[in-house]
């Protein structure tokens, strides 16, 4: 079954992503696609955002990706990326 989810980058994640070199960007894109294909996956750790929403934290090579699955919208929201 193919996932109908898509990944969406929040502004801070996008701003970090566009500064990556080509190899690191490709690695992150593969990671985003994997998250969208497995939207029920839990991360290596979790935290809460200001609204109390559970955010998943996962290592993606040398980077940490913070995300949550918006099941109603069919999206995996990439909230932030930072060195890992």
PDB file of N, CA and C in Angstrom:
ATOM      1  N   UNK A   1       0.842  -1.186   0.000  1.00  0.00           N
ATOM      2  CA  UNK A   1       0.000   0.000   0.000  1.00  0.00           C
ATOM      3  C   UNK A   1       0.887   1.249   0.000  1.00  0.00           C
ATOM      4  N   UNK A   2       0.646   2.140  -0.900  1.00  0.00           N
ATOM      5  CA  UNK A   2       1.421   3.364  -1.005  1.00  0.00           C
ATOM      6  C   UNK A   2       0.862   4.410  -0.061  1.00  0.00           C
ATOM      7  N   UNK A   3       1.732   5.127   0.611  1.00  0.00           N
ATOM      8  CA  UNK A   3       1.300   6.157   1.547  1.00  0.00           C
ATOM      9  C   UNK A   3       0.682   7.323   0.792  1.00  0.00           C
ATOM     10  N   UNK A   4      -0.394   7.844   1.320  1.00  0.00           N
ATOM     11  CA  UNK A   4      -0.994   9.047   0.753  1.00  0.00           C
ATOM     12  C   UNK A   4      -0.521  10.280   1.513  1.00  0.00           C
ATOM     13  N   UNK A   5       0.357  10.067   2.475  1.00  0.00           N
ATOM     14  CA  UNK A   5       0.902  11.181   3.244  1.00  0.00           C
ATOM     15  C   UNK A   5       1.975  11.900   2.436  1.00  0.00           C
ATOM     16  N   UNK A   6       2.138  13.158   2.728  1.00  0.00           N
ATOM     17  CA  UNK A   6       3.228  13.930   2.146  1.00  0.00           C
ATOM     18  C   UNK A   6       3.951  14.612   3.285  1.00  0.00           C
ATOM     19  N   UNK A   7       5.182  15.011   3.037  1.00  0.00           N
ATOM     20  CA  UNK A   7       5.907  15.737   4.077  1.00  0.00           C
ATOM     21  C   UNK A   7       5.849  17.231   3.756  1.00  0.00           C
ATOM     22  N   UNK A   8       5.805  18.024   4.823  1.00  0.00           N
ATOM     23  CA  UNK A   8       5.719  19.474   4.716  1.00  0.00           C
ATOM     24  C   UNK A   8       6.733  20.064   5.683  1.00  0.00           C
ATOM     25  N   UNK A   9       7.559  20.981   5.198  1.00  0.00           N
ATOM     26  CA  UNK A   9       8.553  21.614   6.056  1.00  0.00           C
ATOM     27  C   UNK A   9       8.034  22.951   6.580  1.00  0.00           C
ATOM     28  N   UNK A  10       8.127  23.127   7.891  1.00  0.00           N
ATOM     29  CA  UNK A  10       7.846  24.429   8.493  1.00  0.00           C
ATOM     30  C   UNK A  10       8.987  25.384   8.117  1.00  0.00           C
ATOM     31  N   UNK A  11       8.800  26.660   8.315  1.00  0.00           N
ATOM     32  CA  UNK A  11       9.765  27.666   7.882  1.00  0.00           C
ATOM     33  C   UNK A  11      11.164  27.437   8.446  1.00  0.00           C
ATOM     34  N   UNK A  12      11.291  27.183   9.738  1.00  0.00           N
ATOM     35  CA  UNK A  12      12.623  27.015  10.324  1.00  0.00           C
ATOM     36  C   UNK A  12      13.322  25.782   9.751  1.00  0.00           C
ATOM     37  N   UNK A  13      12.567  24.705   9.495  1.00  0.00           N
ATOM     38  CA  UNK A  13      13.149  23.505   8.896  1.00  0.00           C
ATOM     39  C   UNK A  13      13.600  23.796   7.467  1.00  0.00           C
ATOM     40  N   UNK A  14      12.790  24.516   6.724  1.00  0.00           N
ATOM     41  CA  UNK A  14      13.141  24.860   5.347  1.00  0.00           C
ATOM     42  C   UNK A  14      14.403  25.721   5.303  1.00  0.00           C
ATOM     43  N   UNK A  15      14.478  26.712   6.187  1.00  0.00           N
ATOM     44  CA  UNK A  15      15.645  27.601   6.208  1.00  0.00           C
ATOM     45  C   UNK A  15      16.925  26.827   6.514  1.00  0.00           C
ATOM     46  N   UNK A  16      16.859  25.837   7.368  1.00  0.00           N
ATOM     47  CA  UNK A  16      18.024  24.997   7.657  1.00  0.00           C
ATOM     48  C   UNK A  16      18.342  24.117   6.448  1.00  0.00           C
ATOM     49  N   UNK A  17      17.308  23.501   5.884  1.00  0.00           N
ATOM     50  CA  UNK A  17      17.473  22.570   4.774  1.00  0.00           C
ATOM     51  C   UNK A  17      18.161  23.215   3.577  1.00  0.00           C
ATOM     52  N   UNK A  18      17.783  24.428   3.218  1.00  0.00           N
ATOM     53  CA  UNK A  18      18.346  25.057   2.011  1.00  0.00           C
ATOM     54  C   UNK A  18      19.821  25.412   2.185  1.00  0.00           C
ATOM     55  N   UNK A  19      20.336  25.385   3.399  1.00  0.00           N
ATOM     56  CA  UNK A  19      21.754  25.659   3.633  1.00  0.00           C
ATOM     57  C   UNK A  19      22.621  24.398   3.591  1.00  0.00           C
ATOM     58  N   UNK A  20      22.009  23.234   3.474  1.00  0.00           N
ATOM     59  CA  UNK A  20      22.756  21.978   3.442  1.00  0.00           C
ATOM     60  C   UNK A  20      23.443  21.794   2.094  1.00  0.00           C
ATOM     61  N   UNK A  21      24.575  21.072   2.112  1.00  0.00           N
ATOM     62  CA  UNK A  21      25.200  20.737   0.834  1.00  0.00           C
ATOM     63  C   UNK A  21      24.359  19.639   0.162  1.00  0.00           C
ATOM     64  N   UNK A  22      24.658  19.364  -1.086  1.00  0.00           N
ATOM     65  CA  UNK A  22      23.824  18.462  -1.878  1.00  0.00           C
ATOM     66  C   UNK A  22      23.704  17.068  -1.269  1.00  0.00           C
ATOM     67  N   UNK A  23      24.798  16.512  -0.777  1.00  0.00           N
ATOM     68  CA  UNK A  23      24.773  15.172  -0.197  1.00  0.00           C
ATOM     69  C   UNK A  23      23.896  15.128   1.049  1.00  0.00           C
ATOM     70  N   UNK A  24      24.061  16.120   1.942  1.00  0.00           N
ATOM     71  CA  UNK A  24      23.247  16.154   3.162  1.00  0.00           C
ATOM     72  C   UNK A  24      21.777  16.407   2.843  1.00  0.00           C
ATOM     73  N   UNK A  25      21.508  17.269   1.868  1.00  0.00           N
ATOM     74  CA  UNK A  25      20.125  17.551   1.472  1.00  0.00           C
ATOM     75  C   UNK A  25      19.455  16.289   0.930  1.00  0.00           C
ATOM     76  N   UNK A  26      20.168  15.534   0.110  1.00  0.00           N
ATOM     77  CA  UNK A  26      19.617  14.292  -0.435  1.00  0.00           C
ATOM     78  C   UNK A  26      19.326  13.294   0.690  1.00  0.00           C
ATOM     79  N   UNK A  27      20.237  13.209   1.650  1.00  0.00           N
ATOM     80  CA  UNK A  27      20.036  12.319   2.797  1.00  0.00           C
ATOM     81  C   UNK A  27      18.767  12.725   3.567  1.00  0.00           C
ATOM     82  N   UNK A  28      18.606  14.022   3.812  1.00  0.00           N
ATOM     83  CA  UNK A  28      17.408  14.498   4.525  1.00  0.00           C
ATOM     84  C   UNK A  28      16.144  14.237   3.714  1.00  0.00           C
ATOM     85  N   UNK A  29      16.178  14.464   2.413  1.00  0.00           N
ATOM     86  CA  UNK A  29      15.006  14.212   1.574  1.00  0.00           C
ATOM     87  C   UNK A  29      14.597  12.738   1.641  1.00  0.00           C
ATOM     88  N   UNK A  30      15.580  11.851   1.597  1.00  0.00           N
ATOM     89  CA  UNK A  30      15.273  10.421   1.731  1.00  0.00           C
ATOM     90  C   UNK A  30      14.622  10.132   3.076  1.00  0.00           C
ATOM     91  N   UNK A  31      15.105  10.811   4.111  1.00  0.00           N
ATOM     92  CA  UNK A  31      14.536  10.631   5.452  1.00  0.00           C
ATOM     93  C   UNK A  31      13.094  11.150   5.494  1.00  0.00           C
ATOM     94  N   UNK A  32      12.840  12.313   4.898  1.00  0.00           N
ATOM     95  CA  UNK A  32      11.482  12.870   4.864  1.00  0.00           C
ATOM     96  C   UNK A  32      10.537  11.913   4.143  1.00  0.00           C
ATOM     97  N   UNK A  33      10.985  11.359   3.018  1.00  0.00           N
ATOM     98  CA  UNK A  33      10.158  10.422   2.255  1.00  0.00           C
ATOM     99  C   UNK A  33       9.855   9.171   3.075  1.00  0.00           C
ATOM    100  N   UNK A  34      10.838   8.693   3.824  1.00  0.00           N
ATOM    101  CA  UNK A  34      10.631   7.522   4.679  1.00  0.00           C
ATOM    102  C   UNK A  34       9.603   7.822   5.765  1.00  0.00           C
ATOM    103  N   UNK A  35       9.675   9.030   6.349  1.00  0.00           N
ATOM    104  CA  UNK A  35       8.692   9.413   7.368  1.00  0.00           C
ATOM    105  C   UNK A  35       7.290   9.474   6.772  1.00  0.00           C
ATOM    106  N   UNK A  36       7.164  10.037   5.580  1.00  0.00           N
ATOM    107  CA  UNK A  36       5.854  10.133   4.929  1.00  0.00           C
ATOM    108  C   UNK A  36       5.302   8.748   4.586  1.00  0.00           C
ATOM    109  N   UNK A  37       6.192   7.819   4.258  1.00  0.00           N
ATOM    110  CA  UNK A  37       5.761   6.453   3.945  1.00  0.00           C
ATOM    111  C   UNK A  37       5.395   5.663   5.197  1.00  0.00           C
ATOM    112  N   UNK A  38       5.842   6.144   6.358  1.00  0.00           N
ATOM    113  CA  UNK A  38       5.587   5.472   7.641  1.00  0.00           C
ATOM    114  C   UNK A  38       5.098   6.493   8.664  1.00  0.00           C
ATOM    115  N   UNK A  39       3.929   7.096   8.438  1.00  0.00           N
ATOM    116  CA  UNK A  39       3.491   8.215   9.278  1.00  0.00           C
ATOM    117  C   UNK A  39       3.169   7.858  10.727  1.00  0.00           C
ATOM    118  N   UNK A  40       3.059   6.593  11.043  1.00  0.00           N
ATOM    119  CA  UNK A  40       2.763   6.191  12.424  1.00  0.00           C
ATOM    120  C   UNK A  40       4.031   5.894  13.211  1.00  0.00           C
ATOM    121  N   UNK A  41       5.176   6.078  12.575  1.00  0.00           N
ATOM    122  CA  UNK A  41       6.461   5.812  13.222  1.00  0.00           C
ATOM    123  C   UNK A  41       6.693   6.772  14.382  1.00  0.00           C
ATOM    124  N   UNK A  42       7.302   6.260  15.431  1.00  0.00           N
ATOM    125  CA  UNK A  42       7.705   7.124  16.530  1.00  0.00           C
ATOM    126  C   UNK A  42       9.201   7.371  16.417  1.00  0.00           C
ATOM    127  N   UNK A  43       9.638   8.494  16.905  1.00  0.00           N
ATOM    128  CA  UNK A  43      11.036   8.872  16.821  1.00  0.00           C
ATOM    129  C   UNK A  43      11.888   8.241  17.907  1.00  0.00           C
ATOM    130  N   UNK A  44      13.136   8.687  17.950  1.00  0.00           N
ATOM    131  CA  UNK A  44      14.077   8.212  18.970  1.00  0.00           C
ATOM    132  C   UNK A  44      13.761   8.813  20.337  1.00  0.00           C
ATOM    133  N   UNK A  45      13.130   9.975  20.325  1.00  0.00           N
ATOM    134  CA  UNK A  45      12.732  10.683  21.548  1.00  0.00           C
ATOM    135  C   UNK A  45      11.537  11.558  21.190  1.00  0.00           C
ATOM    136  N   UNK A  46      10.955  12.173  22.192  1.00  0.00           N
ATOM    137  CA  UNK A  46       9.847  13.089  21.914  1.00  0.00           C
ATOM    138  C   UNK A  46       9.908  14.280  22.862  1.00  0.00           C
ATOM    139  N   UNK A  47       9.193  15.318  22.470  1.00  0.00           N
ATOM    140  CA  UNK A  47       9.057  16.517  23.286  1.00  0.00           C
ATOM    141  C   UNK A  47       7.680  17.099  22.996  1.00  0.00           C
ATOM    142  N   UNK A  48       7.311  18.139  23.700  1.00  0.00           N
ATOM    143  CA  UNK A  48       6.027  18.800  23.482  1.00  0.00           C
ATOM    144  C   UNK A  48       6.261  20.192  22.923  1.00  0.00           C
ATOM    145  N   UNK A  49       5.387  20.620  22.010  1.00  0.00           N
ATOM    146  CA  UNK A  49       5.478  21.990  21.524  1.00  0.00           C
ATOM    147  C   UNK A  49       4.680  22.905  22.458  1.00  0.00           C
ATOM    148  N   UNK A  50       4.611  24.182  22.128  1.00  0.00           N
ATOM    149  CA  UNK A  50       3.939  25.169  22.983  1.00  0.00           C
ATOM    150  C   UNK A  50       2.449  24.861  23.159  1.00  0.00           C
ATOM    151  N   UNK A  51       1.849  24.177  22.183  1.00  0.00           N
ATOM    152  CA  UNK A  51       0.430  23.825  22.259  1.00  0.00           C
ATOM    153  C   UNK A  51       0.199  22.501  22.983  1.00  0.00           C
ATOM    154  N   UNK A  52       1.280  21.831  23.422  1.00  0.00           N
ATOM    155  CA  UNK A  52       1.159  20.559  24.104  1.00  0.00           C
ATOM    156  C   UNK A  52       1.137  19.361  23.165  1.00  0.00           C
ATOM    157  N   UNK A  53       1.384  19.591  21.885  1.00  0.00           N
ATOM    158  CA  UNK A  53       1.405  18.512  20.899  1.00  0.00           C
ATOM    159  C   UNK A  53       2.690  17.705  21.047  1.00  0.00           C
ATOM    160  N   UNK A  54       2.577  16.391  20.960  1.00  0.00           N
ATOM    161  CA  UNK A  54       3.752  15.515  21.030  1.00  0.00           C
ATOM    162  C   UNK A  54       4.508  15.581  19.713  1.00  0.00           C
ATOM    163  N   UNK A  55       5.770  15.958  19.792  1.00  0.00           N
ATOM    164  CA  UNK A  55       6.653  16.009  18.629  1.00  0.00           C
ATOM    165  C   UNK A  55       7.652  14.869  18.738  1.00  0.00           C
ATOM    166  N   UNK A  56       7.943  14.244  17.630  1.00  0.00           N
ATOM    167  CA  UNK A  56       8.922  13.169  17.569  1.00  0.00           C
ATOM    168  C   UNK A  56      10.276  13.751  17.172  1.00  0.00           C
ATOM    169  N   UNK A  57      11.339  13.239  17.752  1.00  0.00           N
ATOM    170  CA  UNK A  57      12.702  13.650  17.419  1.00  0.00           C
ATOM    171  C   UNK A  57      13.436  12.420  16.908  1.00  0.00           C
ATOM    172  N   UNK A  58      14.115  12.576  15.773  1.00  0.00           N
ATOM    173  CA  UNK A  58      14.785  11.426  15.181  1.00  0.00           C
ATOM    174  C   UNK A  58      16.082  11.867  14.528  1.00  0.00           C
ATOM    175  N   UNK A  59      17.109  11.059  14.682  1.00  0.00           N
ATOM    176  CA  UNK A  59      18.382  11.340  14.025  1.00  0.00           C
ATOM    177  C   UNK A  59      18.281  10.984  12.548  1.00  0.00           C
ATOM    178  N   UNK A  60      18.805  11.880  11.721  1.00  0.00           N
ATOM    179  CA  UNK A  60      18.884  11.660  10.276  1.00  0.00           C
ATOM    180  C   UNK A  60      20.325  11.957   9.887  1.00  0.00           C
ATOM    181  N   UNK A  61      21.186  10.969  10.095  1.00  0.00           N
ATOM    182  CA  UNK A  61      22.618  11.205   9.873  1.00  0.00           C
ATOM    183  C   UNK A  61      23.119  12.184  10.919  1.00  0.00           C
ATOM    184  N   UNK A  62      23.784  13.258  10.477  1.00  0.00           N
ATOM    185  CA  UNK A  62      24.320  14.228  11.436  1.00  0.00           C
ATOM    186  C   UNK A  62      23.293  15.279  11.887  1.00  0.00           C
ATOM    187  N   UNK A  63      22.039  15.077  11.538  1.00  0.00           N
ATOM    188  CA  UNK A  63      20.994  16.062  11.843  1.00  0.00           C
ATOM    189  C   UNK A  63      19.899  15.430  12.696  1.00  0.00           C
ATOM    190  N   UNK A  64      19.241  16.255  13.486  1.00  0.00           N
ATOM    191  CA  UNK A  64      18.059  15.834  14.226  1.00  0.00           C
ATOM    192  C   UNK A  64      16.852  16.464  13.550  1.00  0.00           C
ATOM    193  N   UNK A  65      15.855  15.647  13.284  1.00  0.00           N
ATOM    194  CA  UNK A  65      14.621  16.096  12.641  1.00  0.00           C
ATOM    195  C   UNK A  65      13.507  16.009  13.684  1.00  0.00           C
ATOM    196  N   UNK A  66      12.758  17.095  13.831  1.00  0.00           N
ATOM    197  CA  UNK A  66      11.598  17.117  14.728  1.00  0.00           C
ATOM    198  C   UNK A  66      10.352  17.153  13.849  1.00  0.00           C
ATOM    199  N   UNK A  67       9.411  16.243  14.126  1.00  0.00           N
ATOM    200  CA  UNK A  67       8.247  16.116  13.254  1.00  0.00           C
ATOM    201  C   UNK A  67       7.029  15.635  14.038  1.00  0.00           C
ATOM    202  N   UNK A  68       5.876  15.754  13.404  1.00  0.00           N
ATOM    203  CA  UNK A  68       4.656  15.142  13.921  1.00  0.00           C
ATOM    204  C   UNK A  68       3.775  14.793  12.731  1.00  0.00           C
ATOM    205  N   UNK A  69       2.960  13.783  12.890  1.00  0.00           N
ATOM    206  CA  UNK A  69       2.069  13.350  11.824  1.00  0.00           C
ATOM    207  C   UNK A  69       0.698  13.973  12.032  1.00  0.00           C
ATOM    208  N   UNK A  70       0.261  14.726  11.045  1.00  0.00           N
ATOM    209  CA  UNK A  70      -1.084  15.294  11.037  1.00  0.00           C
ATOM    210  C   UNK A  70      -1.951  14.323  10.238  1.00  0.00           C
ATOM    211  N   UNK A  71      -2.543  13.371  10.931  1.00  0.00           N
ATOM    212  CA  UNK A  71      -3.290  12.312  10.259  1.00  0.00           C
ATOM    213  C   UNK A  71      -4.538  12.841   9.563  1.00  0.00           C
ATOM    214  N   UNK A  72      -5.145  13.871  10.105  1.00  0.00           N
ATOM    215  CA  UNK A  72      -6.339  14.437   9.473  1.00  0.00           C
ATOM    216  C   UNK A  72      -6.006  15.042   8.113  1.00  0.00           C
ATOM    217  N   UNK A  73      -4.833  15.658   7.999  1.00  0.00           N
ATOM    218  CA  UNK A  73      -4.423  16.298   6.743  1.00  0.00           C
ATOM    219  C   UNK A  73      -3.608  15.361   5.854  1.00  0.00           C
ATOM    220  N   UNK A  74      -3.184  14.212   6.390  1.00  0.00           N
ATOM    221  CA  UNK A  74      -2.351  13.297   5.621  1.00  0.00           C
ATOM    222  C   UNK A  74      -0.955  13.851   5.384  1.00  0.00           C
ATOM    223  N   UNK A  75      -0.411  14.519   6.420  1.00  0.00           N
ATOM    224  CA  UNK A  75       0.905  15.146   6.301  1.00  0.00           C
ATOM    225  C   UNK A  75       1.810  14.753   7.464  1.00  0.00           C
ATOM    226  N   UNK A  76       3.095  14.659   7.167  1.00  0.00           N
ATOM    227  CA  UNK A  76       4.106  14.589   8.207  1.00  0.00           C
ATOM    228  C   UNK A  76       4.740  15.971   8.237  1.00  0.00           C
ATOM    229  N   UNK A  77       4.549  16.676   9.328  1.00  0.00           N
ATOM    230  CA  UNK A  77       5.020  18.052   9.467  1.00  0.00           C
ATOM    231  C   UNK A  77       6.438  18.040  10.025  1.00  0.00           C
ATOM    232  N   UNK A  78       7.404  18.484   9.222  1.00  0.00           N
ATOM    233  CA  UNK A  78       8.787  18.599   9.650  1.00  0.00           C
ATOM    234  C   UNK A  78       8.904  19.970  10.310  1.00  0.00           C
ATOM    235  N   UNK A  79       8.960  19.998  11.620  1.00  0.00           N
ATOM    236  CA  UNK A  79       8.902  21.228  12.382  1.00  0.00           C
ATOM    237  C   UNK A  79      10.264  21.926  12.423  1.00  0.00           C
ATOM    238  N   UNK A  80      11.326  21.144  12.605  1.00  0.00           N
ATOM    239  CA  UNK A  80      12.663  21.746  12.714  1.00  0.00           C
ATOM    240  C   UNK A  80      13.709  20.705  12.368  1.00  0.00           C
ATOM    241  N   UNK A  81      14.873  21.197  11.979  1.00  0.00           N
ATOM    242  CA  UNK A  81      16.056  20.378  11.729  1.00  0.00           C
ATOM    243  C   UNK A  81      17.216  21.140  12.340  1.00  0.00           C
ATOM    244  N   UNK A  82      18.099  20.417  13.012  1.00  0.00           N
ATOM    245  CA  UNK A  82      19.287  21.068  13.561  1.00  0.00           C
ATOM    246  C   UNK A  82      20.423  20.063  13.654  1.00  0.00           C
ATOM    247  N   UNK A  83      21.647  20.542  13.835  1.00  0.00           N
ATOM    248  CA  UNK A  83      22.774  19.615  13.938  1.00  0.00           C
ATOM    249  C   UNK A  83      22.543  18.649  15.088  1.00  0.00           C
ATOM    250  N   UNK A  84      22.865  17.385  14.841  1.00  0.00           N
ATOM    251  CA  UNK A  84      22.519  16.412  15.687  1.00  0.00           C
ATOM    252  C   UNK A  84      22.984  15.695  16.778  1.00  0.00           C
TER     253      UNK A  84
END
